[in-house]
C-alpha atoms as a PDB file:
ATOM      1  CA  MET A   1      -7.234  16.079  10.076  1.00  0.00           C
ATOM      2  CA  LEU A   2      -9.842  14.772   7.626  1.00  0.00           C
ATOM      3  CA  MET A   3     -12.155  17.767   7.628  1.00  0.00           C
ATOM      4  CA  PRO A   4      -9.488  20.508   7.129  1.00  0.00           C
ATOM      5  CA  SER A   5      -7.909  18.528   4.278  1.00  0.00           C
ATOM      6  CA  LEU A   6     -11.250  17.978   2.556  1.00  0.00           C
ATOM      7  CA  VAL A   7     -12.292  21.605   2.886  1.00  0.00           C
ATOM      8  CA  PHE A   8      -8.951  22.933   1.654  1.00  0.00           C
ATOM      9  CA  SER A   9      -8.679  20.483  -1.260  1.00  0.00           C
ATOM     10  CA  LEU A  10     -12.204  21.247  -2.455  1.00  0.00           C
ATOM     11  CA  LEU A  11     -11.705  25.015  -2.245  1.00  0.00           C
ATOM     12  CA  ALA A  12      -8.285  24.832  -3.919  1.00  0.00           C
ATOM     13  CA  ALA A  13      -9.594  22.590  -6.699  1.00  0.00           C
ATOM     14  CA  ALA A  14     -12.584  24.863  -7.291  1.00  0.00           C
ATOM     15  CA  ALA A  15     -10.356  27.949  -7.447  1.00  0.00           C
ATOM     16  CA  MET A  16      -7.876  26.336  -9.821  1.00  0.00           C
ATOM     17  CA  TRP A  17     -10.704  25.011 -11.993  1.00  0.00           C
ATOM     18  CA  LEU A  18     -12.076  28.513 -12.421  1.00  0.00           C
ATOM     19  CA  PHE A  19      -8.727  29.952 -13.451  1.00  0.00           C
ATOM     20  CA  VAL A  20      -7.658  26.971 -15.583  1.00  0.00           C
ATOM     21  CA  ARG A  21     -10.865  27.379 -17.585  1.00  0.00           C
ATOM     22  CA  ARG A  22      -9.837  30.922 -18.480  1.00  0.00           C
ATOM     23  CA  ASN A  23      -6.146  30.172 -18.962  1.00  0.00           C
ATOM     24  CA  PRO A  24      -4.933  26.525 -19.136  1.00  0.00           C
ATOM     25  CA  ALA A  25      -1.340  27.754 -18.842  1.00  0.00           C
ATOM     26  CA  THR A  26      -1.840  29.060 -15.310  1.00  0.00           C
ATOM     27  CA  ASN A  27       1.310  29.064 -13.194  1.00  0.00           C
ATOM     28  CA  PRO A  28       1.830  25.475 -11.941  1.00  0.00           C
ATOM     29  CA  ARG A  29       3.492  26.791  -8.788  1.00  0.00           C
ATOM     30  CA  LEU A  30       0.068  27.633  -7.348  1.00  0.00           C
ATOM     31  CA  THR A  31      -1.181  24.078  -7.835  1.00  0.00           C
ATOM     32  CA  ALA A  32       2.075  22.687  -6.472  1.00  0.00           C
ATOM     33  CA  THR A  33       1.718  24.916  -3.406  1.00  0.00           C
ATOM     34  CA  ALA A  34      -1.776  23.552  -2.772  1.00  0.00           C
ATOM     35  CA  LEU A  35      -0.436  19.987  -2.941  1.00  0.00           C
ATOM     36  CA  VAL A  36       2.409  20.830  -0.559  1.00  0.00           C
ATOM     37  CA  VAL A  37      -0.077  22.316   1.918  1.00  0.00           C
ATOM     38  CA  LEU A  38      -2.030  19.055   1.741  1.00  0.00           C
ATOM     39  CA  LEU A  39       1.159  17.247   2.720  1.00  0.00           C
ATOM     40  CA  ILE A  40       1.743  19.616   5.639  1.00  0.00           C
ATOM     41  CA  LEU A  41      -1.760  19.384   7.086  1.00  0.00           C
ATOM     42  CA  PRO A  42      -1.331  15.828   8.485  1.00  0.00           C
ATOM     43  CA  LEU A  43       1.824  16.968  10.301  1.00  0.00           C
ATOM     44  CA  LEU A  44      -0.261  19.488  12.236  1.00  0.00           C
ATOM     45  CA  ALA A  45      -1.764  16.552  14.125  1.00  0.00           C
ATOM     46  CA  PHE A  46       1.352  16.693  16.326  1.00  0.00           C
ATOM     47  CA  VAL A  47       0.885  20.404  17.127  1.00  0.00           C
ATOM     48  CA  PRO A  48      -0.813  21.318  20.442  1.00  0.00           C
ATOM     49  CA  LYS A  49      -4.510  21.869  19.828  1.00  0.00           C
ATOM     50  CA  ILE A  50      -7.084  24.386  21.019  1.00  0.00           C
ATOM     51  CA  THR A  51      -9.776  22.169  22.565  1.00  0.00           C
ATOM     52  CA  ILE A  52     -13.457  23.000  22.083  1.00  0.00           C
ATOM     53  CA  ALA A  53     -16.038  20.840  23.877  1.00  0.00           C
ATOM     54  CA  LEU A  54     -19.062  19.593  21.973  1.00  0.00           C
ATOM     55  CA  GLY A  55     -22.450  18.524  23.223  1.00  0.00           C
ATOM     56  CA  ALA A  56     -22.823  15.282  25.121  1.00  0.00           C
ATOM     57  CA  GLY A  57     -24.677  13.618  22.246  1.00  0.00           C
ATOM     58  CA  ALA A  58     -21.712  13.966  19.897  1.00  0.00           C
ATOM     59  CA  GLU A  59     -19.709  11.253  21.652  1.00  0.00           C
ATOM     60  CA  SER A  60     -21.481   8.332  20.004  1.00  0.00           C
ATOM     61  CA  LYS A  61     -21.180   9.934  16.579  1.00  0.00           C
ATOM     62  CA  ALA A  62     -17.402  10.170  16.911  1.00  0.00           C
ATOM     63  CA  ILE A  63     -16.926   6.408  17.295  1.00  0.00           C
ATOM     64  CA  LEU A  64     -16.902   5.793  13.547  1.00  0.00           C
ATOM     65  CA  GLY A  65     -14.273   8.479  12.925  1.00  0.00           C
ATOM     66  CA  THR A  66     -11.980   7.212  15.677  1.00  0.00           C
ATOM     67  CA  THR A  67     -12.027   3.503  14.844  1.00  0.00           C
ATOM     68  CA  LEU A  68     -13.116   2.539  11.339  1.00  0.00           C
ATOM     69  CA  LEU A  69     -11.875   5.485   9.246  1.00  0.00           C
ATOM     70  CA  PRO A  70      -8.214   5.240  10.334  1.00  0.00           C
ATOM     71  CA  VAL A  71      -8.195   1.537   9.468  1.00  0.00           C
ATOM     72  CA  LEU A  72      -9.658   2.195   6.027  1.00  0.00           C
ATOM     73  CA  TRP A  73      -7.143   4.995   5.432  1.00  0.00           C
ATOM     74  CA  LEU A  74      -4.246   2.751   6.429  1.00  0.00           C
ATOM     75  CA  ILE A  75      -5.388   0.037   4.019  1.00  0.00           C
ATOM     76  CA  GLY A  76      -5.550   2.509   1.130  1.00  0.00           C
ATOM     77  CA  PHE A  77      -2.196   4.021   2.119  1.00  0.00           C
ATOM     78  CA  LEU A  78      -0.484   0.604   2.144  1.00  0.00           C
ATOM     79  CA  VAL A  79      -1.968  -0.274  -1.246  1.00  0.00           C
ATOM     80  CA  GLY A  80      -0.769   3.036  -2.700  1.00  0.00           C
ATOM     81  CA  ALA A  81       2.668   2.658  -1.131  1.00  0.00           C
ATOM     82  CA  GLY A  82       2.996  -0.833  -2.601  1.00  0.00           C
ATOM     83  CA  ARG A  83       2.076   0.494  -6.019  1.00  0.00           C
ATOM     84  CA  GLY A  84       4.634   3.270  -5.675  1.00  0.00           C
ATOM     85  CA  LEU A  85       7.388   0.786  -4.834  1.00  0.00           C
ATOM     86  CA  ALA A  86       6.374  -1.319  -7.834  1.00  0.00           C
ATOM     87  CA  ASP A  87       6.581   1.772 -10.071  1.00  0.00           C
ATOM     88  CA  LEU A  88      10.078   2.532  -8.762  1.00  0.00           C
ATOM     89  CA  SER A  89      11.189  -0.992  -9.566  1.00  0.00           C
ATOM     90  CA  ALA A  90       9.589  -0.834 -13.033  1.00  0.00           C
ATOM     91  CA  LEU A  91      11.321   2.491 -13.765  1.00  0.00           C
ATOM     92  CA  HIS A  92      14.662   1.061 -12.692  1.00  0.00           C
ATOM     93  CA  ASP A  93      14.250  -1.907 -15.040  1.00  0.00           C
ATOM     94  CA  TRP A  94      13.034   0.384 -17.820  1.00  0.00           C
ATOM     95  CA  LYS A  95      16.159   2.551 -17.609  1.00  0.00           C
ATOM     96  CA  LYS A  96      18.398  -0.487 -18.072  1.00  0.00           C
ATOM     97  CA  ARG A  97      17.098  -0.967 -21.630  1.00  0.00           C
ATOM     98  CA  SER A  98      18.284   2.481 -22.768  1.00  0.00           C
ATOM     99  CA  CYS A  99      21.645   3.439 -24.259  1.00  0.00           C
ATOM    100  CA  SER A 100      23.631   6.615 -23.619  1.00  0.00           C
ATOM    101  CA  ALA A 101      23.666   9.431 -26.168  1.00  0.00           C
ATOM    102  CA  ASN A 102      25.578  12.100 -24.222  1.00  0.00           C
ATOM    103  CA  GLY A 103      27.959  12.721 -27.105  1.00  0.00           C
ATOM    104  CA  HIS A 104      25.224  13.960 -29.447  1.00  0.00           C
ATOM    105  CA  PRO A 105      26.202  17.357 -30.947  1.00  0.00           C
ATOM    106  CA  VAL A 106      22.826  18.934 -30.150  1.00  0.00           C
ATOM    107  CA  PHE A 107      23.068  17.912 -26.487  1.00  0.00           C
ATOM    108  CA  GLU A 108      26.643  19.131 -26.238  1.00  0.00           C
ATOM    109  CA  SER A 109      25.699  22.497 -27.736  1.00  0.00           C
ATOM    110  CA  LEU A 110      22.873  22.888 -25.232  1.00  0.00           C
ATOM    111  CA  GLN A 111      25.259  22.018 -22.416  1.00  0.00           C
ATOM    112  CA  ALA A 112      27.526  24.832 -23.548  1.00  0.00           C
ATOM    113  CA  GLU A 113      24.587  27.236 -23.930  1.00  0.00           C
ATOM    114  CA  LEU A 114      22.595  26.518 -20.749  1.00  0.00           C
ATOM    115  CA  PRO A 115      23.571  25.885 -17.126  1.00  0.00           C
ATOM    116  CA  ILE A 116      22.814  22.153 -17.270  1.00  0.00           C
ATOM    117  CA  PRO A 117      23.921  20.164 -14.199  1.00  0.00           C
ATOM    118  CA  ASP A 118      26.534  17.488 -14.805  1.00  0.00           C
ATOM    119  CA  GLN A 119      24.136  14.820 -13.480  1.00  0.00           C
ATOM    120  CA  VAL A 120      21.804  15.273 -16.471  1.00  0.00           C
ATOM    121  CA  SER A 121      22.302  12.680 -19.217  1.00  0.00           C
ATOM    122  CA  LEU A 122      20.759  11.901 -22.603  1.00  0.00           C
ATOM    123  CA  HIS A 123      19.617   8.397 -23.584  1.00  0.00           C
ATOM    124  CA  LEU A 124      17.902   6.566 -26.422  1.00  0.00           C
ATOM    125  CA  HIS A 125      15.211   4.020 -25.606  1.00  0.00           C
ATOM    126  CA  PRO A 126      13.710   1.424 -27.960  1.00  0.00           C
ATOM    127  CA  ASP A 127      10.258   1.412 -26.307  1.00  0.00           C
ATOM    128  CA  LEU A 128       9.524   5.122 -26.512  1.00  0.00           C
ATOM    129  CA  ALA A 129       7.293   7.026 -28.906  1.00  0.00           C
ATOM    130  CA  SER A 130       7.929  10.506 -27.444  1.00  0.00           C
ATOM    131  CA  PRO A 131      10.595  12.165 -25.262  1.00  0.00           C
ATOM    132  CA  VAL A 132      10.394  11.758 -21.486  1.00  0.00           C
ATOM    133  CA  VAL A 133      12.428  12.894 -18.484  1.00  0.00           C
ATOM    134  CA  CYS A 134      12.776  10.985 -15.209  1.00  0.00           C
ATOM    135  CA  GLY A 135      15.006  10.731 -12.146  1.00  0.00           C
ATOM    136  CA  LEU A 136      15.390  12.930  -9.079  1.00  0.00           C
ATOM    137  CA  ARG A 137      19.079  12.750  -8.102  1.00  0.00           C
ATOM    138  CA  ARG A 138      20.328  12.072 -11.631  1.00  0.00           C
ATOM    139  CA  PRO A 139      17.761  13.309 -14.189  1.00  0.00           C
ATOM    140  CA  GLN A 140      17.769  11.467 -17.491  1.00  0.00           C
ATOM    141  CA  ILE A 141      16.294  12.602 -20.803  1.00  0.00           C
ATOM    142  CA  HIS A 142      15.124   9.675 -22.929  1.00  0.00           C
ATOM    143  CA  LEU A 143      14.408   9.972 -26.633  1.00  0.00           C
ATOM    144  CA  PRO A 144      12.886   7.358 -28.958  1.00  0.00           C
ATOM    145  CA  LEU A 145      15.154   5.572 -31.431  1.00  0.00           C
ATOM    146  CA  SER A 146      13.317   7.382 -34.234  1.00  0.00           C
ATOM    147  CA  SER A 147      14.910  10.635 -33.009  1.00  0.00           C
ATOM    148  CA  VAL A 148      18.037   9.809 -35.034  1.00  0.00           C
ATOM    149  CA  THR A 149      16.018  10.796 -38.122  1.00  0.00           C
ATOM    150  CA  TRP A 150      14.803  14.117 -36.676  1.00  0.00           C
ATOM    151  CA  SER A 151      16.216  17.364 -37.940  1.00  0.00           C
ATOM    152  CA  PRO A 152      18.706  19.131 -35.637  1.00  0.00           C
ATOM    153  CA  ALA A 153      16.165  21.908 -34.999  1.00  0.00           C
ATOM    154  CA  THR A 154      13.441  19.437 -33.991  1.00  0.00           C
ATOM    155  CA  LEU A 155      15.847  17.485 -31.791  1.00  0.00           C
ATOM    156  CA  ARG A 156      17.011  20.675 -30.121  1.00  0.00           C
ATOM    157  CA  MET A 157      13.430  21.710 -29.281  1.00  0.00           C
ATOM    158  CA  ALA A 158      12.630  18.263 -27.899  1.00  0.00           C
ATOM    159  CA  VAL A 159      15.690  18.175 -25.651  1.00  0.00           C
ATOM    160  CA  LEU A 160      15.193  21.794 -24.598  1.00  0.00           C
ATOM    161  CA  HIS A 161      11.607  21.012 -23.588  1.00  0.00           C
ATOM    162  CA  GLU A 162      12.769  18.218 -21.273  1.00  0.00           C
ATOM    163  CA  LEU A 163      15.553  20.419 -19.910  1.00  0.00           C
ATOM    164  CA  GLY A 164      12.843  22.906 -19.029  1.00  0.00           C
ATOM    165  CA  HIS A 165      11.338  20.346 -16.667  1.00  0.00           C
ATOM    166  CA  ILE A 166      14.714  19.877 -14.985  1.00  0.00           C
ATOM    167  CA  GLN A 167      15.546  23.576 -14.641  1.00  0.00           C
ATOM    168  CA  ARG A 168      12.085  24.390 -13.326  1.00  0.00           C
ATOM    169  CA  GLY A 169      12.225  21.634 -10.709  1.00  0.00           C
ATOM    170  CA  ASP A 170       9.132  19.861 -12.029  1.00  0.00           C
ATOM    171  CA  LEU A 171      10.406  16.368 -11.187  1.00  0.00           C
ATOM    172  CA  PRO A 172      10.652  16.899  -7.377  1.00  0.00           C
ATOM    173  CA  LEU A 173       7.303  18.702  -7.384  1.00  0.00           C
ATOM    174  CA  ALA A 174       5.713  15.872  -9.350  1.00  0.00           C
ATOM    175  CA  ALA A 175       7.048  13.453  -6.708  1.00  0.00           C
ATOM    176  CA  LEU A 176       5.483  15.582  -3.960  1.00  0.00           C
ATOM    177  CA  ALA A 177       2.210  15.585  -5.900  1.00  0.00           C
ATOM    178  CA  ARG A 178       2.330  11.795  -6.060  1.00  0.00           C
ATOM    179  CA  LEU A 179       3.026  11.716  -2.321  1.00  0.00           C
ATOM    180  CA  ALA A 180       0.054  13.973  -1.649  1.00  0.00           C
ATOM    181  CA  CYS A 181      -2.168  11.559  -3.563  1.00  0.00           C
ATOM    182  CA  LEU A 182      -0.739   8.722  -1.466  1.00  0.00           C
ATOM    183  CA  PHE A 183      -1.773  10.393   1.811  1.00  0.00           C
ATOM    184  CA  HIS A 184      -5.096  11.632   0.385  1.00  0.00           C
ATOM    185  CA  TRP A 185      -5.903   8.634  -1.800  1.00  0.00           C
ATOM    186  CA  PHE A 186      -9.612   8.858  -0.932  1.00  0.00           C
ATOM    187  CA  ASN A 187      -9.958  12.463  -2.135  1.00  0.00           C
ATOM    188  CA  PRO A 188     -10.654  12.914  -5.884  1.00  0.00           C
ATOM    189  CA  ALA A 189      -9.924  16.649  -5.617  1.00  0.00           C
ATOM    190  CA  VAL A 190      -6.276  15.898  -4.776  1.00  0.00           C
ATOM    191  CA  TRP A 191      -5.938  13.597  -7.787  1.00  0.00           C
ATOM    192  CA  TRP A 192      -7.451  16.313  -9.987  1.00  0.00           C
ATOM    193  CA  LEU A 193      -4.976  18.852  -8.621  1.00  0.00           C
ATOM    194  CA  ARG A 194      -2.120  16.483  -9.503  1.00  0.00           C
ATOM    195  CA  ARG A 195      -3.363  16.008 -13.062  1.00  0.00           C
ATOM    196  CA  THR A 196      -3.803  19.767 -13.409  1.00  0.00           C
ATOM    197  CA  PHE A 197      -0.272  20.363 -12.136  1.00  0.00           C
ATOM    198  CA  LEU A 198       1.220  17.920 -14.664  1.00  0.00           C
ATOM    199  CA  ALA A 199      -0.676  19.616 -17.483  1.00  0.00           C
ATOM    200  CA  GLN A 200       0.466  23.039 -16.343  1.00  0.00           C
ATOM    201  CA  CYS A 201       4.078  21.827 -16.320  1.00  0.00           C
ATOM    202  CA  GLU A 202       3.812  21.019 -20.034  1.00  0.00           C
ATOM    203  CA  TYR A 203       2.411  24.460 -20.795  1.00  0.00           C
ATOM    204  CA  ALA A 204       5.166  26.058 -18.725  1.00  0.00           C
ATOM    205  CA  CYS A 205       7.882  24.150 -20.594  1.00  0.00           C
ATOM    206  CA  ASP A 206       6.334  25.197 -23.907  1.00  0.00           C
ATOM    207  CA  ALA A 207       6.600  28.795 -22.698  1.00  0.00           C
ATOM    208  CA  PHE A 208      10.188  28.074 -21.605  1.00  0.00           C
ATOM    209  CA  LEU A 209      11.110  27.274 -25.210  1.00  0.00           C
ATOM    210  CA  ILE A 210       9.483  30.453 -26.487  1.00  0.00           C
ATOM    211  CA  GLU A 211      11.463  32.462 -23.935  1.00  0.00           C
ATOM    212  CA  LYS A 212      14.663  30.867 -25.264  1.00  0.00           C
ATOM    213  CA  GLY A 213      13.923  32.297 -28.705  1.00  0.00           C
ATOM    214  CA  THR A 214      12.125  29.364 -30.320  1.00  0.00           C
ATOM    215  CA  ASP A 215       9.667  30.341 -33.025  1.00  0.00           C
ATOM    216  CA  PRO A 216       6.125  29.372 -31.877  1.00  0.00           C
ATOM    217  CA  ARG A 217       5.094  28.161 -35.331  1.00  0.00           C
ATOM    218  CA  ALA A 218       8.181  26.020 -35.742  1.00  0.00           C
ATOM    219  CA  TYR A 219       7.674  24.587 -32.267  1.00  0.00           C
ATOM    220  CA  ALA A 220       4.018  23.815 -33.030  1.00  0.00           C
ATOM    221  CA  HIS A 221       5.077  21.851 -36.106  1.00  0.00           C
ATOM    222  CA  ALA A 222       7.715  20.036 -34.037  1.00  0.00           C
ATOM    223  CA  LEU A 223       5.103  19.104 -31.452  1.00  0.00           C
ATOM    224  CA  CYS A 224       2.944  17.551 -34.148  1.00  0.00           C
ATOM    225  CA  ASP A 225       5.923  15.454 -35.288  1.00  0.00           C
ATOM    226  CA  VAL A 226       7.406  14.579 -31.902  1.00  0.00           C
ATOM    227  CA  ALA A 227       4.658  14.590 -29.263  1.00  0.00           C
ATOM    228  CA  VAL A 228       3.213  11.209 -30.098  1.00  0.00           C
ATOM    229  CA  ALA A 229       0.884   9.782 -27.465  1.00  0.00           C
ATOM    230  CA  GLY A 230       2.074   6.390 -26.268  1.00  0.00           C
ATOM    231  CA  LYS A 231       3.110   4.346 -23.300  1.00  0.00           C
ATOM    232  CA  HIS A 232       5.714   5.959 -21.076  1.00  0.00           C
ATOM    233  CA  PRO A 233       7.338   4.747 -17.853  1.00  0.00           C
ATOM    234  CA  PRO A 234       5.858   5.493 -14.428  1.00  0.00           C
ATOM    235  CA  LEU A 235       7.230   8.374 -12.347  1.00  0.00           C
ATOM    236  CA  SER A 236       8.291  10.284 -15.463  1.00  0.00           C
ATOM    237  CA  LEU A 237       7.179  13.420 -17.307  1.00  0.00           C
ATOM    238  CA  ALA A 238       6.361  12.741 -20.935  1.00  0.00           C
ATOM    239  CA  MET A 239       6.241  15.318 -23.705  1.00  0.00           C
ATOM    240  CA  ALA A 240       2.874  13.858 -24.795  1.00  0.00           C
ATOM    241  CA  GLY A 241       0.082  12.434 -22.742  1.00  0.00           C
ATOM    242  CA  HIS A 242      -0.785  14.964 -20.028  1.00  0.00           C
ATOM    243  CA  VAL A 243      -2.278  17.596 -22.348  1.00  0.00           C
ATOM    244  CA  PRO A 244      -4.112  17.136 -25.672  1.00  0.00           C
ATOM    245  CA  LEU A 245      -1.889  18.298 -28.515  1.00  0.00           C
ATOM    246  CA  ARG A 246      -4.639  20.516 -29.904  1.00  0.00           C
ATOM    247  CA  GLU A 247      -4.873  22.464 -26.651  1.00  0.00           C
ATOM    248  CA  ARG A 248      -1.126  23.079 -26.589  1.00  0.00           C
ATOM    249  CA  ILE A 249      -1.168  24.378 -30.159  1.00  0.00           C
ATOM    250  CA  LEU A 250      -4.036  26.727 -29.277  1.00  0.00           C
ATOM    251  CA  VAL A 251      -2.189  28.076 -26.247  1.00  0.00           C
ATOM    252  CA  LEU A 252       0.947  28.645 -28.344  1.00  0.00           C
ATOM    253  CA  SER A 253      -1.086  30.700 -30.826  1.00  0.00           C
ATOM    254  CA  ARG A 254      -2.461  33.010 -28.106  1.00  0.00           C
ATOM    255  CA  GLU A 255      -0.832  36.074 -26.673  1.00  0.00           C
ATOM    256  CA  VAL A 256       0.879  35.647 -23.323  1.00  0.00           C
ATOM    257  CA  ARG A 257      -1.420  36.731 -20.524  1.00  0.00           C
ATOM    258  CA  SER A 258      -0.169  38.479 -17.430  1.00  0.00           C
ATOM    259  CA  GLU A 259      -0.534  36.450 -14.257  1.00  0.00           C
ATOM    260  CA  SER A 260      -3.117  37.693 -11.751  1.00  0.00           C
ATOM    261  CA  THR A 261      -2.344  37.814  -8.057  1.00  0.00           C
ATOM    262  CA  PHE A 262      -5.917  36.892  -7.119  1.00  0.00           C
ATOM    263  CA  PRO A 263      -5.387  33.077  -7.347  1.00  0.00           C
ATOM    264  CA  ALA A 264      -2.408  33.349  -5.016  1.00  0.00           C
ATOM    265  CA  VAL A 265      -4.397  35.441  -2.517  1.00  0.00           C
ATOM    266  CA  LEU A 266      -7.317  33.013  -2.657  1.00  0.00           C
ATOM    267  CA  LEU A 267      -4.998  30.046  -2.117  1.00  0.00           C
ATOM    268  CA  PHE A 268      -3.370  31.800   0.831  1.00  0.00           C
ATOM    269  CA  LEU A 269      -6.752  32.419   2.459  1.00  0.00           C
ATOM    270  CA  THR A 270      -7.897  28.819   1.996  1.00  0.00           C
ATOM    271  CA  ALA A 271      -4.593  27.481   3.327  1.00  0.00           C
ATOM    272  CA  THR A 272      -4.799  29.750   6.357  1.00  0.00           C
ATOM    273  CA  SER A 273      -8.341  28.581   7.050  1.00  0.00           C
ATOM    274  CA  ALA A 274      -7.346  24.923   6.765  1.00  0.00           C
ATOM    275  CA  ILE A 275      -4.397  25.389   9.128  1.00  0.00           C
ATOM    276  CA  ALA A 276      -6.659  27.173  11.605  1.00  0.00           C
ATOM    277  CA  MET A 277      -9.080  24.233  11.485  1.00  0.00           C
ATOM    278  CA  SER A 278      -6.173  21.832  12.019  1.00  0.00           C
ATOM    279  CA  VAL A 279      -5.099  23.361  15.313  1.00  0.00           C
ATOM    280  CA  VAL A 280      -8.607  23.094  16.781  1.00  0.00           C
ATOM    281  CA  ARG A 281      -9.783  19.853  18.363  1.00  0.00           C
ATOM    282  CA  LEU A 282     -13.473  19.184  18.979  1.00  0.00           C
ATOM    283  CA  VAL A 283     -13.975  16.969  22.033  1.00  0.00           C
ATOM    284  CA  PRO A 284     -17.361  15.559  23.131  1.00  0.00           C
ATOM    285  CA  ALA A 285     -18.347  16.858  26.530  1.00  0.00           C
ATOM    286  CA  ASN A 286     -19.120  14.287  29.263  1.00  0.00           C
ATOM    287  CA  SER A 287     -21.542  15.878  31.638  1.00  0.00           C
ATOM    288  CA  HIS A 288     -22.104  12.695  33.649  1.00  0.00           C
ATOM    289  CA  THR A 289     -18.535  12.338  34.863  1.00  0.00           C
ATOM    290  CA  SER A 290     -17.445  14.314  37.894  1.00  0.00           C
ATOM    291  CA  PRO A 291     -13.940  15.694  38.178  1.00  0.00           C
ATOM    292  CA  ALA A 292     -11.324  13.326  39.502  1.00  0.00           C
ATOM    293  CA  GLU A 293     -11.017  13.422  43.255  1.00  0.00           C
ATOM    294  CA  PRO A 294      -7.680  14.087  44.875  1.00  0.00           C
ATOM    295  CA  ALA A 295      -5.824  10.989  46.027  1.00  0.00           C
ATOM    296  CA  MET A 296      -5.791  12.052  49.712  1.00  0.00           C
ATOM    297  CA  GLU A 297      -9.537  12.654  49.729  1.00  0.00           C
ATOM    298  CA  ARG A 298     -10.217   9.192  48.302  1.00  0.00           C
ATOM    299  CA  TYR A 299      -7.884   7.636  50.878  1.00  0.00           C
ATOM    300  CA  LEU A 300      -9.587   9.323  53.794  1.00  0.00           C
ATOM    301  CA  ARG A 301     -13.005   8.364  52.507  1.00  0.00           C
ATOM    302  CA  PHE A 302     -12.191   4.652  52.205  1.00  0.00           C
ATOM    303  CA  THR A 303     -10.330   4.452  55.530  1.00  0.00           C
ATOM    304  CA  ALA A 304     -12.874   6.383  57.589  1.00  0.00           C
ATOM    305  CA  ASP A 305     -14.728   4.605  60.390  1.00  0.00           C
ATOM    306  CA  PRO A 306     -18.325   3.973  59.285  1.00  0.00           C
ATOM    307  CA  PHE A 307     -19.484   4.028  62.920  1.00  0.00           C
ATOM    308  CA  PRO A 308     -17.706   6.895  64.596  1.00  0.00           C
ATOM    309  CA  ALA A 309     -17.932   7.149  68.383  1.00  0.00           C
ATOM    310  CA  ASP A 310     -20.494   9.533  69.878  1.00  0.00           C
END
């Protein structure tokens, strides 16, 4: 499964790079789809394959891929899995240091205005410099303690931005992107796709606020006051950190561009090609080995009289 994953990841990363250069706020769903396909490709190893025989000389070249590479992949996978478990533990401890702020008037007004799930909660954290959102089953919005001095309008925009991540389903998709990097830890194209996806999520949430009637200029000023780069917990989406603030301000000042269907078509073609490669198995041909003899024929041969009567 190594070759199809490499080919697909490189083609998907090249395609997204071309379109992100033209429009940084490209739909993150395309990048998320590419990462999901990368998660599906290893599962195709259990699908019946179409066998194609190679030349006899290819057998010795396949030894490295069948012995050493799986061991190296397993070592990297275990290291990444251990780091992921450590991040989960660190996030759990980090949440314990926050205090609930569900009764804040701004949060209650947004709950009445938007279809916010009951599991979503608002918290204040002493170690934050900028708002973050985390949690899969029970999403939590965390604000810095300095948010008590923010104006109601600024606080509303900050909370609405994090609610955008929850309503768009960015947290589960970010977890899948992290999982794709775990399985493809050796592939820098997959890590680049994940970083691109996280950046696109921030642009999408900025657009989410504009769709809700937020003035772009007022939101740009709020970003300058609120989106302070700083340390944020693992496995979370921070309002600052994934995208330079200057780039977000520039995107907010541009006109909204219509999405082209060409990236989706290109991604579909590359995914189809990778899946087709995944259901084909190349097997080295062994021209020196004769077909297996039937059991009865072998029995008669070994039990035959070497000196038959004349």
